[in-house]
PDB file of N, CA and C in Angstrom:
ATOM      1  N   UNK A   1     179.428 127.711 -66.947  1.00  0.00           N
ATOM      2  CA  UNK A   1     179.666 126.996 -65.713  1.00  0.00           C
ATOM      3  C   UNK A   1     178.364 126.345 -65.226  1.00  0.00           C
ATOM      4  N   UNK A   2     177.271 127.086 -65.373  1.00  0.00           N
ATOM      5  CA  UNK A   2     175.966 126.573 -64.963  1.00  0.00           C
ATOM      6  C   UNK A   2     175.593 125.335 -65.771  1.00  0.00           C
ATOM      7  N   UNK A   3     175.816 125.378 -67.073  1.00  0.00           N
ATOM      8  CA  UNK A   3     175.453 124.258 -67.949  1.00  0.00           C
ATOM      9  C   UNK A   3     176.267 123.017 -67.598  1.00  0.00           C
ATOM     10  N   UNK A   4     177.564 123.190 -67.356  1.00  0.00           N
ATOM     11  CA  UNK A   4     178.414 122.045 -67.014  1.00  0.00           C
ATOM     12  C   UNK A   4     178.015 121.438 -65.673  1.00  0.00           C
ATOM     13  N   UNK A   5     177.699 122.287 -64.704  1.00  0.00           N
ATOM     14  CA  UNK A   5     177.277 121.791 -63.394  1.00  0.00           C
ATOM     15  C   UNK A   5     175.973 121.009 -63.510  1.00  0.00           C
ATOM     16  N   UNK A   6     175.036 121.519 -64.282  1.00  0.00           N
ATOM     17  CA  UNK A   6     173.757 120.831 -64.475  1.00  0.00           C
ATOM     18  C   UNK A   6     173.956 119.499 -65.188  1.00  0.00           C
ATOM     19  N   UNK A   7     174.865 119.456 -66.172  1.00  0.00           N
ATOM     20  CA  UNK A   7     175.085 118.199 -66.900  1.00  0.00           C
ATOM     21  C   UNK A   7     175.751 117.150 -66.013  1.00  0.00           C
ATOM     22  N   UNK A   8     176.629 117.574 -65.118  1.00  0.00           N
ATOM     23  CA  UNK A   8     177.225 116.622 -64.167  1.00  0.00           C
ATOM     24  C   UNK A   8     176.143 116.077 -63.244  1.00  0.00           C
ATOM     25  N   UNK A   9     175.268 116.954 -62.757  1.00  0.00           N
ATOM     26  CA  UNK A   9     174.165 116.512 -61.904  1.00  0.00           C
ATOM     27  C   UNK A   9     173.251 115.530 -62.610  1.00  0.00           C
ATOM     28  N   UNK A  10     172.970 115.773 -63.884  1.00  0.00           N
ATOM     29  CA  UNK A  10     172.126 114.876 -64.679  1.00  0.00           C
ATOM     30  C   UNK A  10     172.803 113.530 -64.888  1.00  0.00           C
ATOM     31  N   UNK A  11     174.092 113.550 -65.213  1.00  0.00           N
ATOM     32  CA  UNK A  11     174.834 112.304 -65.428  1.00  0.00           C
ATOM     33  C   UNK A  11     174.885 111.475 -64.149  1.00  0.00           C
ATOM     34  N   UNK A  12     175.064 112.127 -63.018  1.00  0.00           N
ATOM     35  CA  UNK A  12     175.072 111.404 -61.744  1.00  0.00           C
ATOM     36  C   UNK A  12     173.706 110.791 -61.455  1.00  0.00           C
ATOM     37  N   UNK A  13     172.644 111.532 -61.747  1.00  0.00           N
ATOM     38  CA  UNK A  13     171.287 111.029 -61.510  1.00  0.00           C
ATOM     39  C   UNK A  13     171.004 109.788 -62.342  1.00  0.00           C
ATOM     40  N   UNK A  14     171.522 109.750 -63.566  1.00  0.00           N
ATOM     41  CA  UNK A  14     171.330 108.569 -64.424  1.00  0.00           C
ATOM     42  C   UNK A  14     172.007 107.333 -63.838  1.00  0.00           C
ATOM     43  N   UNK A  15     173.052 107.550 -63.050  1.00  0.00           N
ATOM     44  CA  UNK A  15     173.763 106.441 -62.413  1.00  0.00           C
ATOM     45  C   UNK A  15     173.200 106.112 -61.033  1.00  0.00           C
ATOM     46  N   UNK A  16     172.167 106.839 -60.635  1.00  0.00           N
ATOM     47  CA  UNK A  16     171.567 106.607 -59.324  1.00  0.00           C
ATOM     48  C   UNK A  16     172.305 107.331 -58.208  1.00  0.00           C
ATOM     49  N   UNK A  17     173.138 108.295 -58.565  1.00  0.00           N
ATOM     50  CA  UNK A  17     173.891 109.063 -57.578  1.00  0.00           C
ATOM     51  C   UNK A  17     173.357 110.489 -57.544  1.00  0.00           C
ATOM     52  N   UNK A  18     173.691 111.210 -56.489  1.00  0.00           N
ATOM     53  CA  UNK A  18     173.322 112.622 -56.454  1.00  0.00           C
ATOM     54  C   UNK A  18     174.454 113.439 -55.850  1.00  0.00           C
ATOM     55  N   UNK A  19     174.531 114.684 -56.271  1.00  0.00           N
ATOM     56  CA  UNK A  19     175.565 115.592 -55.793  1.00  0.00           C
ATOM     57  C   UNK A  19     175.071 116.245 -54.510  1.00  0.00           C
ATOM     58  N   UNK A  20     175.884 116.215 -53.471  1.00  0.00           N
ATOM     59  CA  UNK A  20     175.517 116.845 -52.203  1.00  0.00           C
ATOM     60  C   UNK A  20     175.691 118.355 -52.339  1.00  0.00           C
ATOM     61  N   UNK A  21     174.584 119.060 -52.393  1.00  0.00           N
ATOM     62  CA  UNK A  21     174.630 120.503 -52.624  1.00  0.00           C
ATOM     63  C   UNK A  21     175.244 121.250 -51.446  1.00  0.00           C
ATOM     64  N   UNK A  22     175.093 120.725 -50.251  1.00  0.00           N
ATOM     65  CA  UNK A  22     175.654 121.379 -49.069  1.00  0.00           C
ATOM     66  C   UNK A  22     177.170 121.302 -49.010  1.00  0.00           C
ATOM     67  N   UNK A  23     177.744 120.257 -49.591  1.00  0.00           N
ATOM     68  CA  UNK A  23     179.195 120.086 -49.565  1.00  0.00           C
ATOM     69  C   UNK A  23     179.873 120.576 -50.839  1.00  0.00           C
ATOM     70  N   UNK A  24     179.115 120.747 -51.899  1.00  0.00           N
ATOM     71  CA  UNK A  24     179.693 121.160 -53.184  1.00  0.00           C
ATOM     72  C   UNK A  24     179.986 122.652 -53.177  1.00  0.00           C
ATOM     73  N   UNK A  25     181.162 123.007 -53.695  1.00  0.00           N
ATOM     74  CA  UNK A  25     181.580 124.399 -53.758  1.00  0.00           C
ATOM     75  C   UNK A  25     182.116 124.685 -55.154  1.00  0.00           C
ATOM     76  N   UNK A  26     182.145 125.951 -55.524  1.00  0.00           N
ATOM     77  CA  UNK A  26     182.593 126.374 -56.848  1.00  0.00           C
ATOM     78  C   UNK A  26     183.850 127.224 -56.696  1.00  0.00           C
ATOM     79  N   UNK A  27     184.887 126.904 -57.474  1.00  0.00           N
ATOM     80  CA  UNK A  27     186.089 127.729 -57.564  1.00  0.00           C
ATOM     81  C   UNK A  27     186.203 128.183 -59.005  1.00  0.00           C
ATOM     82  N   UNK A  28     186.088 129.470 -59.217  1.00  0.00           N
ATOM     83  CA  UNK A  28     186.172 130.014 -60.574  1.00  0.00           C
ATOM     84  C   UNK A  28     187.621 130.376 -60.848  1.00  0.00           C
ATOM     85  N   UNK A  29     188.203 129.686 -61.812  1.00  0.00           N
ATOM     86  CA  UNK A  29     189.612 129.861 -62.161  1.00  0.00           C
ATOM     87  C   UNK A  29     189.716 130.695 -63.431  1.00  0.00           C
ATOM     88  N   UNK A  30     190.399 131.836 -63.327  1.00  0.00           N
ATOM     89  CA  UNK A  30     190.573 132.745 -64.468  1.00  0.00           C
ATOM     90  C   UNK A  30     189.243 133.117 -65.126  1.00  0.00           C
ATOM     91  N   UNK A  31     188.246 133.408 -64.320  1.00  0.00           N
ATOM     92  CA  UNK A  31     186.930 133.786 -64.840  1.00  0.00           C
ATOM     93  C   UNK A  31     186.484 135.086 -64.188  1.00  0.00           C
ATOM     94  N   UNK A  32     185.762 135.874 -64.943  1.00  0.00           N
ATOM     95  CA  UNK A  32     185.157 137.071 -64.381  1.00  0.00           C
ATOM     96  C   UNK A  32     183.970 136.652 -63.518  1.00  0.00           C
ATOM     97  N   UNK A  33     183.567 137.559 -62.646  1.00  0.00           N
ATOM     98  CA  UNK A  33     182.404 137.281 -61.806  1.00  0.00           C
ATOM     99  C   UNK A  33     181.174 137.140 -62.698  1.00  0.00           C
ATOM    100  N   UNK A  34     180.472 136.026 -62.523  1.00  0.00           N
ATOM    101  CA  UNK A  34     179.257 135.779 -63.292  1.00  0.00           C
ATOM    102  C   UNK A  34     178.136 135.442 -62.321  1.00  0.00           C
ATOM    103  N   UNK A  35     177.000 135.106 -62.854  1.00  0.00           N
ATOM    104  CA  UNK A  35     175.858 134.750 -62.016  1.00  0.00           C
ATOM    105  C   UNK A  35     176.196 133.544 -61.151  1.00  0.00           C
ATOM    106  N   UNK A  36     175.575 133.461 -59.970  1.00  0.00           N
ATOM    107  CA  UNK A  36     175.822 132.308 -59.106  1.00  0.00           C
ATOM    108  C   UNK A  36     175.405 130.999 -59.785  1.00  0.00           C
ATOM    109  N   UNK A  37     176.139 129.940 -59.495  1.00  0.00           N
ATOM    110  CA  UNK A  37     175.845 128.625 -60.064  1.00  0.00           C
ATOM    111  C   UNK A  37     174.866 127.918 -59.139  1.00  0.00           C
ATOM    112  N   UNK A  38     173.800 127.358 -59.720  1.00  0.00           N
ATOM    113  CA  UNK A  38     172.794 126.658 -58.927  1.00  0.00           C
ATOM    114  C   UNK A  38     172.679 125.207 -59.380  1.00  0.00           C
ATOM    115  N   UNK A  39     172.210 124.388 -58.470  1.00  0.00           N
ATOM    116  CA  UNK A  39     171.934 122.988 -58.768  1.00  0.00           C
ATOM    117  C   UNK A  39     170.605 122.652 -58.112  1.00  0.00           C
ATOM    118  N   UNK A  40     169.633 122.279 -58.905  1.00  0.00           N
ATOM    119  CA  UNK A  40     168.274 122.002 -58.427  1.00  0.00           C
ATOM    120  C   UNK A  40     167.720 123.179 -57.624  1.00  0.00           C
ATOM    121  N   UNK A  41     167.983 124.395 -58.100  1.00  0.00           N
ATOM    122  CA  UNK A  41     167.458 125.588 -57.456  1.00  0.00           C
ATOM    123  C   UNK A  41     168.233 126.056 -56.241  1.00  0.00           C
ATOM    124  N   UNK A  42     169.269 125.342 -55.849  1.00  0.00           N
ATOM    125  CA  UNK A  42     170.063 125.711 -54.680  1.00  0.00           C
ATOM    126  C   UNK A  42     171.403 126.284 -55.141  1.00  0.00           C
ATOM    127  N   UNK A  43     171.762 127.464 -54.635  1.00  0.00           N
ATOM    128  CA  UNK A  43     173.005 128.131 -55.038  1.00  0.00           C
ATOM    129  C   UNK A  43     174.201 127.451 -54.384  1.00  0.00           C
ATOM    130  N   UNK A  44     175.211 127.145 -55.201  1.00  0.00           N
ATOM    131  CA  UNK A  44     176.436 126.538 -54.690  1.00  0.00           C
ATOM    132  C   UNK A  44     177.383 127.631 -54.206  1.00  0.00           C
ATOM    133  N   UNK A  45     178.055 127.361 -53.097  1.00  0.00           N
ATOM    134  CA  UNK A  45     178.963 128.339 -52.493  1.00  0.00           C
ATOM    135  C   UNK A  45     180.218 128.534 -53.349  1.00  0.00           C
ATOM    136  N   UNK A  46     180.628 129.792 -53.502  1.00  0.00           N
ATOM    137  CA  UNK A  46     181.870 130.110 -54.210  1.00  0.00           C
ATOM    138  C   UNK A  46     182.997 130.253 -53.188  1.00  0.00           C
ATOM    139  N   UNK A  47     184.162 129.670 -53.477  1.00  0.00           N
ATOM    140  CA  UNK A  47     185.318 129.766 -52.592  1.00  0.00           C
ATOM    141  C   UNK A  47     186.509 130.320 -53.365  1.00  0.00           C
ATOM    142  N   UNK A  48     187.471 130.878 -52.641  1.00  0.00           N
ATOM    143  CA  UNK A  48     188.677 131.411 -53.265  1.00  0.00           C
ATOM    144  C   UNK A  48     189.784 130.371 -53.324  1.00  0.00           C
ATOM    145  N   UNK A  49     189.723 129.369 -52.437  1.00  0.00           N
ATOM    146  CA  UNK A  49     190.726 128.301 -52.440  1.00  0.00           C
ATOM    147  C   UNK A  49     190.147 127.080 -51.734  1.00  0.00           C
ATOM    148  N   UNK A  50     190.756 125.919 -51.983  1.00  0.00           N
ATOM    149  CA  UNK A  50     190.377 124.698 -51.283  1.00  0.00           C
ATOM    150  C   UNK A  50     191.569 123.740 -51.278  1.00  0.00           C
ATOM    151  N   UNK A  51     191.494 122.740 -50.422  1.00  0.00           N
ATOM    152  CA  UNK A  51     192.564 121.756 -50.326  1.00  0.00           C
ATOM    153  C   UNK A  51     192.117 120.477 -51.013  1.00  0.00           C
ATOM    154  N   UNK A  52     192.963 119.975 -51.913  1.00  0.00           N
ATOM    155  CA  UNK A  52     192.675 118.743 -52.648  1.00  0.00           C
ATOM    156  C   UNK A  52     193.907 117.858 -52.579  1.00  0.00           C
ATOM    157  N   UNK A  53     193.757 116.692 -51.972  1.00  0.00           N
ATOM    158  CA  UNK A  53     194.855 115.743 -51.797  1.00  0.00           C
ATOM    159  C   UNK A  53     196.074 116.403 -51.160  1.00  0.00           C
ATOM    160  N   UNK A  54     195.832 117.257 -50.161  1.00  0.00           N
ATOM    161  CA  UNK A  54     196.913 117.890 -49.418  1.00  0.00           C
ATOM    162  C   UNK A  54     197.505 119.126 -50.053  1.00  0.00           C
ATOM    163  N   UNK A  55     197.072 119.493 -51.244  1.00  0.00           N
ATOM    164  CA  UNK A  55     197.590 120.687 -51.917  1.00  0.00           C
ATOM    165  C   UNK A  55     196.520 121.769 -51.946  1.00  0.00           C
ATOM    166  N   UNK A  56     196.947 123.014 -51.780  1.00  0.00           N
ATOM    167  CA  UNK A  56     196.018 124.133 -51.799  1.00  0.00           C
ATOM    168  C   UNK A  56     195.857 124.622 -53.231  1.00  0.00           C
ATOM    169  N   UNK A  57     194.620 124.656 -53.690  1.00  0.00           N
ATOM    170  CA  UNK A  57     194.278 125.149 -55.022  1.00  0.00           C
ATOM    171  C   UNK A  57     193.606 126.507 -54.833  1.00  0.00           C
ATOM    172  N   UNK A  58     194.068 127.540 -55.560  1.00  0.00           N
ATOM    173  CA  UNK A  58     193.454 128.857 -55.420  1.00  0.00           C
ATOM    174  C   UNK A  58     193.054 129.436 -56.771  1.00  0.00           C
ATOM    175  N   UNK A  59     192.418 130.613 -56.722  1.00  0.00           N
ATOM    176  CA  UNK A  59     191.885 131.248 -57.934  1.00  0.00           C
ATOM    177  C   UNK A  59     192.963 131.585 -58.956  1.00  0.00           C
ATOM    178  N   UNK A  60     194.157 131.941 -58.487  1.00  0.00           N
ATOM    179  CA  UNK A  60     195.225 132.334 -59.392  1.00  0.00           C
ATOM    180  C   UNK A  60     195.919 131.139 -60.034  1.00  0.00           C
ATOM    181  N   UNK A  61     195.744 129.972 -59.481  1.00  0.00           N
ATOM    182  CA  UNK A  61     196.358 128.775 -60.040  1.00  0.00           C
ATOM    183  C   UNK A  61     197.820 128.617 -59.674  1.00  0.00           C
ATOM    184  N   UNK A  62     198.342 129.517 -58.854  1.00  0.00           N
ATOM    185  CA  UNK A  62     199.741 129.435 -58.440  1.00  0.00           C
ATOM    186  C   UNK A  62     199.924 128.491 -57.267  1.00  0.00           C
ATOM    187  N   UNK A  63     201.158 128.297 -56.896  1.00  0.00           N
ATOM    188  CA  UNK A  63     201.452 127.386 -55.796  1.00  0.00           C
ATOM    189  C   UNK A  63     201.972 128.120 -54.568  1.00  0.00           C
ATOM    190  N   UNK A  64     201.905 129.445 -54.544  1.00  0.00           N
ATOM    191  CA  UNK A  64     202.440 130.216 -53.422  1.00  0.00           C
ATOM    192  C   UNK A  64     201.802 129.824 -52.095  1.00  0.00           C
ATOM    193  N   UNK A  65     200.486 129.761 -52.049  1.00  0.00           N
ATOM    194  CA  UNK A  65     199.785 129.428 -50.807  1.00  0.00           C
ATOM    195  C   UNK A  65     200.135 128.018 -50.354  1.00  0.00           C
ATOM    196  N   UNK A  66     200.241 127.097 -51.297  1.00  0.00           N
ATOM    197  CA  UNK A  66     200.570 125.711 -50.972  1.00  0.00           C
ATOM    198  C   UNK A  66     201.984 125.604 -50.415  1.00  0.00           C
ATOM    199  N   UNK A  67     202.936 126.280 -51.040  1.00  0.00           N
ATOM    200  CA  UNK A  67     204.331 126.239 -50.587  1.00  0.00           C
ATOM    201  C   UNK A  67     204.447 126.840 -49.192  1.00  0.00           C
ATOM    202  N   UNK A  68     203.788 127.971 -48.953  1.00  0.00           N
ATOM    203  CA  UNK A  68     203.833 128.608 -47.634  1.00  0.00           C
ATOM    204  C   UNK A  68     203.250 127.696 -46.561  1.00  0.00           C
ATOM    205  N   UNK A  69     202.147 127.039 -46.866  1.00  0.00           N
ATOM    206  CA  UNK A  69     201.516 126.140 -45.898  1.00  0.00           C
ATOM    207  C   UNK A  69     202.420 124.956 -45.582  1.00  0.00           C
ATOM    208  N   UNK A  70     203.052 124.380 -46.594  1.00  0.00           N
ATOM    209  CA  UNK A  70     203.941 123.239 -46.375  1.00  0.00           C
ATOM    210  C   UNK A  70     205.176 123.632 -45.573  1.00  0.00           C
ATOM    211  N   UNK A  71     205.745 124.800 -45.869  1.00  0.00           N
ATOM    212  CA  UNK A  71     206.907 125.276 -45.109  1.00  0.00           C
ATOM    213  C   UNK A  71     206.518 125.504 -43.654  1.00  0.00           C
ATOM    214  N   UNK A  72     205.340 126.067 -43.433  1.00  0.00           N
ATOM    215  CA  UNK A  72     204.860 126.281 -42.068  1.00  0.00           C
ATOM    216  C   UNK A  72     204.695 124.977 -41.304  1.00  0.00           C
ATOM    217  N   UNK A  73     204.153 123.954 -41.959  1.00  0.00           N
ATOM    218  CA  UNK A  73     203.981 122.648 -41.309  1.00  0.00           C
ATOM    219  C   UNK A  73     205.330 122.010 -41.002  1.00  0.00           C
ATOM    220  N   UNK A  74     206.290 122.138 -41.922  1.00  0.00           N
ATOM    221  CA  UNK A  74     207.624 121.576 -41.698  1.00  0.00           C
ATOM    222  C   UNK A  74     208.319 122.302 -40.552  1.00  0.00           C
ATOM    223  N   UNK A  75     208.121 123.609 -40.470  1.00  0.00           N
ATOM    224  CA  UNK A  75     208.724 124.394 -39.386  1.00  0.00           C
ATOM    225  C   UNK A  75     208.187 123.939 -38.034  1.00  0.00           C
ATOM    226  N   UNK A  76     206.880 123.747 -37.952  1.00  0.00           N
ATOM    227  CA  UNK A  76     206.267 123.280 -36.701  1.00  0.00           C
ATOM    228  C   UNK A  76     206.816 121.908 -36.319  1.00  0.00           C
ATOM    229  N   UNK A  77     206.906 121.003 -37.292  1.00  0.00           N
ATOM    230  CA  UNK A  77     207.435 119.659 -37.024  1.00  0.00           C
ATOM    231  C   UNK A  77     208.880 119.737 -36.545  1.00  0.00           C
ATOM    232  N   UNK A  78     209.677 120.608 -37.165  1.00  0.00           N
ATOM    233  CA  UNK A  78     211.081 120.767 -36.787  1.00  0.00           C
ATOM    234  C   UNK A  78     211.203 121.301 -35.363  1.00  0.00           C
ATOM    235  N   UNK A  79     210.424 122.328 -35.038  1.00  0.00           N
ATOM    236  CA  UNK A  79     210.508 122.945 -33.716  1.00  0.00           C
ATOM    237  C   UNK A  79     210.002 122.032 -32.605  1.00  0.00           C
ATOM    238  N   UNK A  80     209.096 121.127 -32.917  1.00  0.00           N
ATOM    239  CA  UNK A  80     208.609 120.186 -31.907  1.00  0.00           C
ATOM    240  C   UNK A  80     209.700 119.209 -31.483  1.00  0.00           C
ATOM    241  N   UNK A  81     210.717 119.056 -32.308  1.00  0.00           N
ATOM    242  CA  UNK A  81     211.809 118.125 -32.013  1.00  0.00           C
ATOM    243  C   UNK A  81     213.045 118.850 -31.482  1.00  0.00           C
ATOM    244  N   UNK A  82     212.862 120.036 -30.931  1.00  0.00           N
ATOM    245  CA  UNK A  82     213.974 120.864 -30.460  1.00  0.00           C
ATOM    246  C   UNK A  82     214.856 120.126 -29.456  1.00  0.00           C
ATOM    247  N   UNK A  83     214.255 119.368 -28.553  1.00  0.00           N
ATOM    248  CA  UNK A  83     215.036 118.638 -27.548  1.00  0.00           C
ATOM    249  C   UNK A  83     215.964 117.615 -28.197  1.00  0.00           C
ATOM    250  N   UNK A  84     215.509 117.009 -29.266  1.00  0.00           N
ATOM    251  CA  UNK A  84     216.338 116.020 -29.972  1.00  0.00           C
ATOM    252  C   UNK A  84     217.501 116.717 -30.659  1.00  0.00           C
ATOM    253  N   UNK A  85     217.233 117.846 -31.311  1.00  0.00           N
ATOM    254  CA  UNK A  85     218.306 118.548 -32.027  1.00  0.00           C
ATOM    255  C   UNK A  85     219.383 119.041 -31.070  1.00  0.00           C
ATOM    256  N   UNK A  86     219.001 119.419 -29.851  1.00  0.00           N
ATOM    257  CA  UNK A  86     219.960 119.941 -28.873  1.00  0.00           C
ATOM    258  C   UNK A  86     220.632 118.851 -28.054  1.00  0.00           C
ATOM    259  N   UNK A  87     220.178 117.625 -28.160  1.00  0.00           N
ATOM    260  CA  UNK A  87     220.721 116.528 -27.360  1.00  0.00           C
ATOM    261  C   UNK A  87     222.120 116.137 -27.834  1.00  0.00           C
ATOM    262  N   UNK A  88     223.022 116.039 -26.888  1.00  0.00           N
ATOM    263  CA  UNK A  88     224.394 115.599 -27.181  1.00  0.00           C
ATOM    264  C   UNK A  88     224.491 114.072 -27.181  1.00  0.00           C
ATOM    265  N   UNK A  89     223.478 113.410 -26.634  1.00  0.00           N
ATOM    266  CA  UNK A  89     223.505 111.956 -26.507  1.00  0.00           C
ATOM    267  C   UNK A  89     223.025 111.242 -27.772  1.00  0.00           C
ATOM    268  N   UNK A  90     222.430 111.977 -28.685  1.00  0.00           N
ATOM    269  CA  UNK A  90     221.924 111.376 -29.925  1.00  0.00           C
ATOM    270  C   UNK A  90     222.892 111.718 -31.050  1.00  0.00           C
ATOM    271  N   UNK A  91     223.293 110.701 -31.791  1.00  0.00           N
ATOM    272  CA  UNK A  91     224.269 110.913 -32.865  1.00  0.00           C
ATOM    273  C   UNK A  91     223.660 111.705 -34.024  1.00  0.00           C
ATOM    274  N   UNK A  92     224.533 112.310 -34.803  1.00  0.00           N
ATOM    275  CA  UNK A  92     224.092 113.078 -35.971  1.00  0.00           C
ATOM    276  C   UNK A  92     223.369 112.184 -36.966  1.00  0.00           C
ATOM    277  N   UNK A  93     223.834 110.962 -37.112  1.00  0.00           N
ATOM    278  CA  UNK A  93     223.197 110.012 -38.031  1.00  0.00           C
ATOM    279  C   UNK A  93     221.739 109.764 -37.636  1.00  0.00           C
ATOM    280  N   UNK A  94     221.497 109.576 -36.366  1.00  0.00           N
ATOM    281  CA  UNK A  94     220.125 109.354 -35.875  1.00  0.00           C
ATOM    282  C   UNK A  94     219.289 110.625 -36.060  1.00  0.00           C
ATOM    283  N   UNK A  95     219.889 111.785 -35.803  1.00  0.00           N
ATOM    284  CA  UNK A  95     219.165 113.050 -35.983  1.00  0.00           C
ATOM    285  C   UNK A  95     218.746 113.239 -37.439  1.00  0.00           C
ATOM    286  N   UNK A  96     219.622 112.876 -38.363  1.00  0.00           N
ATOM    287  CA  UNK A  96     219.290 112.982 -39.789  1.00  0.00           C
ATOM    288  C   UNK A  96     218.140 112.046 -40.131  1.00  0.00           C
ATOM    289  N   UNK A  97     218.166 110.845 -39.588  1.00  0.00           N
ATOM    290  CA  UNK A  97     217.085 109.888 -39.853  1.00  0.00           C
ATOM    291  C   UNK A  97     215.759 110.396 -39.286  1.00  0.00           C
ATOM    292  N   UNK A  98     215.805 110.988 -38.087  1.00  0.00           N
ATOM    293  CA  UNK A  98     214.596 111.561 -37.485  1.00  0.00           C
ATOM    294  C   UNK A  98     214.088 112.723 -38.338  1.00  0.00           C
ATOM    295  N   UNK A  99     215.006 113.566 -38.813  1.00  0.00           N
ATOM    296  CA  UNK A  99     214.633 114.691 -39.677  1.00  0.00           C
ATOM    297  C   UNK A  99     213.947 114.190 -40.945  1.00  0.00           C
ATOM    298  N   UNK A 100     214.529 113.184 -41.574  1.00  0.00           N
ATOM    299  CA  UNK A 100     213.968 112.651 -42.822  1.00  0.00           C
ATOM    300  C   UNK A 100     212.578 112.055 -42.628  1.00  0.00           C
ATOM    301  N   UNK A 101     212.356 111.400 -41.505  1.00  0.00           N
ATOM    302  CA  UNK A 101     211.058 110.746 -41.291  1.00  0.00           C
ATOM    303  C   UNK A 101     209.991 111.682 -40.738  1.00  0.00           C
ATOM    304  N   UNK A 102     210.387 112.690 -39.953  1.00  0.00           N
ATOM    305  CA  UNK A 102     209.390 113.538 -39.295  1.00  0.00           C
ATOM    306  C   UNK A 102     209.210 114.917 -39.913  1.00  0.00           C
ATOM    307  N   UNK A 103     210.248 115.475 -40.486  1.00  0.00           N
ATOM    308  CA  UNK A 103     210.143 116.825 -41.051  1.00  0.00           C
ATOM    309  C   UNK A 103     209.920 116.759 -42.559  1.00  0.00           C
ATOM    310  N   UNK A 104     210.732 115.992 -43.258  1.00  0.00           N
ATOM    311  CA  UNK A 104     210.578 115.895 -44.716  1.00  0.00           C
ATOM    312  C   UNK A 104     209.238 115.281 -45.109  1.00  0.00           C
ATOM    313  N   UNK A 105     208.721 114.400 -44.269  1.00  0.00           N
ATOM    314  CA  UNK A 105     207.441 113.745 -44.576  1.00  0.00           C
ATOM    315  C   UNK A 105     206.302 114.760 -44.662  1.00  0.00           C
ATOM    316  N   UNK A 106     206.418 115.864 -43.947  1.00  0.00           N
ATOM    317  CA  UNK A 106     205.387 116.902 -43.959  1.00  0.00           C
ATOM    318  C   UNK A 106     205.406 117.672 -45.276  1.00  0.00           C
ATOM    319  N   UNK A 107     206.584 117.776 -45.882  1.00  0.00           N
ATOM    320  CA  UNK A 107     206.704 118.525 -47.135  1.00  0.00           C
ATOM    321  C   UNK A 107     206.056 117.750 -48.249  1.00  0.00           C
TER     322      UNK A 107
END
């Protein structure tokens, strides 16, 4: 892991870019605990999970945490529209359209 991190840093330097050590984090997937990974003498932080493009990535590689988070967000969106769901003045067709645009979009 250390060698790969160093080679990425070297390749970026050749392009005139640099890796921000303060923002860079390490997620070890299916790996035993090893020595800390460093870049230019600075230790990179190890994390158990992170969010990438709206999806939660964790050490186990499963999607349980991501599914739970998405269901929770959809539940919050649904409950915020409680007045609409209980309204007798809004047709079922309109309620379905509101559900599709506001609740399903979160999933």
